[in-house]
Amino acid sequence: MPRSLKKGPYINERLMKKIRNLKVGDKTVIKTWDRACMITPQMVGYTIGVHDGRQHVPVSIVENMVGHRLGEFAPTSKFVTHGGKMAKEEAKAAADKAAAERQKAQEAATTTKK
């Protein structure tokens, strides 16, 4: 359910104060636990460390993110592939194929050096 229009977007004032104190082009990561905070145009160009429940995920704010929430760019869970015998076999085949390609590329690189 969206926030009431008469209230306006939720913006953390402490976070905005930290951003105002930084100089333009400063690469400092600003840590925050406030995932519900709306991204404003003043945040563009800064890097904000958004907490995902375990660590702070660095999020570089760009113009297309304005109007979204900070939490949208720091996923809270990692997808673990669906299990099963078939999935394990497919994963093993893909890993073997990648290893063979790496070895082939490595052999090609050594022959061109000689």
Protein backbone atom coordinates (compact mmCIF):
# COMPACT_ATOMS: atom_id res chain seq x y z
CA MET A 1 0.00 0.00 0.00
CA PRO A 2 1.57 3.33 -1.02
CA ARG A 3 2.17 6.20 1.34
CA SER A 4 -0.42 8.97 1.46
CA LEU A 5 0.20 11.79 -1.04
CA LYS A 6 -0.39 14.46 1.57
CA LYS A 7 2.46 13.01 3.68
CA GLY A 8 4.89 12.84 0.78
CA PRO A 9 7.69 10.31 0.30
CA TYR A 10 9.54 8.87 3.30
CA ILE A 11 13.07 10.24 3.39
CA ASN A 12 15.40 9.70 6.33
CA GLU A 13 16.59 13.14 7.45
CA ARG A 14 19.75 11.78 9.11
CA LEU A 15 20.75 10.12 5.83
CA MET A 16 20.11 13.34 3.89
CA LYS A 17 22.21 15.27 6.42
CA LYS A 18 25.12 12.84 5.90
CA ILE A 19 24.82 13.27 2.13
CA ARG A 20 24.75 17.08 2.41
CA ASN A 21 27.97 17.00 4.47
CA LEU A 22 29.87 15.08 1.77
CA LYS A 23 31.66 16.87 -1.03
CA VAL A 24 30.83 16.20 -4.68
CA GLY A 25 32.84 13.27 -6.04
CA ASP A 26 33.57 11.83 -2.58
CA LYS A 27 33.70 8.01 -2.77
CA THR A 28 32.81 7.44 0.89
CA VAL A 29 30.19 4.72 1.46
CA ILE A 30 27.37 5.95 3.69
CA LYS A 31 26.03 3.07 5.80
CA THR A 32 22.30 2.86 6.47
CA TRP A 33 19.83 0.35 7.84
CA ASP A 34 16.87 2.28 6.43
CA ARG A 35 15.74 0.16 3.47
CA ALA A 36 12.38 1.97 3.23
CA CYS A 37 13.94 5.36 2.46
CA MET A 38 13.01 6.79 -0.94
CA ILE A 39 15.85 7.72 -3.32
CA THR A 40 15.87 11.43 -4.12
CA PRO A 41 17.70 13.42 -6.85
CA GLN A 42 20.13 14.76 -4.20
CA MET A 43 21.45 11.19 -3.67
CA VAL A 44 22.52 10.70 -7.30
CA GLY A 45 26.25 10.10 -7.63
CA TYR A 46 26.84 8.86 -4.08
CA THR A 47 27.38 5.31 -2.83
CA ILE A 48 25.15 4.12 -0.01
CA GLY A 49 25.76 0.91 1.96
CA VAL A 50 22.29 -0.63 2.41
CA HIS A 51 22.02 -3.31 5.10
CA ASP A 52 20.63 -6.63 3.87
CA GLY A 53 20.38 -8.28 7.28
CA ARG A 54 23.95 -9.54 7.28
CA GLN A 55 26.17 -6.90 5.70
CA HIS A 56 26.08 -3.50 4.00
CA VAL A 57 25.69 -3.83 0.23
CA PRO A 58 27.24 -0.85 -1.61
CA VAL A 59 24.68 0.71 -3.96
CA SER A 60 25.84 3.39 -6.39
CA ILE A 61 22.90 5.72 -6.96
CA VAL A 62 22.18 6.65 -10.57
CA GLU A 63 19.47 8.80 -12.09
CA ASN A 64 17.18 5.89 -13.03
CA MET A 65 16.86 4.88 -9.35
CA VAL A 66 15.12 8.10 -8.27
CA GLY A 67 11.70 7.33 -6.83
CA HIS A 68 12.57 3.76 -5.81
CA ARG A 69 13.39 2.48 -2.32
CA LEU A 70 16.93 1.73 -1.14
CA GLY A 71 15.95 -1.82 -0.16
CA GLU A 72 15.08 -2.71 -3.75
CA PHE A 73 18.77 -2.72 -4.67
CA ALA A 74 20.05 -4.88 -1.78
CA PRO A 75 18.45 -8.35 -1.90
CA THR A 76 17.97 -9.97 1.50
CA SER A 77 18.21 -13.59 0.40
CA LYS A 78 20.42 -15.53 -1.96
CA PHE A 79 18.74 -17.86 -4.44
CA VAL A 80 19.86 -21.44 -4.01
CA THR A 81 19.23 -23.53 -7.10
CA HIS A 82 16.46 -26.09 -7.02
CA GLY A 83 17.87 -29.44 -6.07
CA GLY A 84 17.56 -32.87 -7.54
CA LYS A 85 19.71 -35.39 -9.31
CA MET A 86 19.13 -33.88 -12.75
CA ALA A 87 20.11 -30.36 -11.62
CA LYS A 88 23.37 -31.67 -10.12
CA GLU A 89 24.23 -33.49 -13.33
CA GLU A 90 23.55 -30.38 -15.44
CA ALA A 91 25.68 -28.24 -13.12
CA LYS A 92 28.54 -30.75 -13.31
CA ALA A 93 28.34 -30.87 -17.11
CA ALA A 94 28.42 -27.07 -17.33
CA ALA A 95 31.44 -26.91 -15.00
CA ASP A 96 33.27 -29.57 -17.05
CA LYS A 97 32.56 -27.67 -20.26
CA ALA A 98 33.84 -24.41 -18.78
CA ALA A 99 37.02 -26.12 -17.53
CA ALA A 100 37.64 -27.62 -20.97
CA GLU A 101 37.23 -24.20 -22.62
CA ARG A 102 39.65 -22.61 -20.13
CA GLN A 103 42.22 -25.31 -20.76
CA LYS A 104 41.81 -24.92 -24.52
CA ALA A 105 42.31 -21.15 -24.26
CA GLN A 106 45.33 -21.64 -22.03
CA GLU A 107 46.91 -24.06 -24.52
CA ALA A 108 46.27 -21.62 -27.36
CA ALA A 109 47.95 -18.84 -25.38
CA THR A 110 51.05 -20.92 -24.68
CA THR A 111 51.43 -21.96 -28.34
CA THR A 112 51.28 -18.36 -29.57
CA LYS A 113 54.04 -17.34 -27.12
CA LYS A 114 56.50 -19.88 -28.54
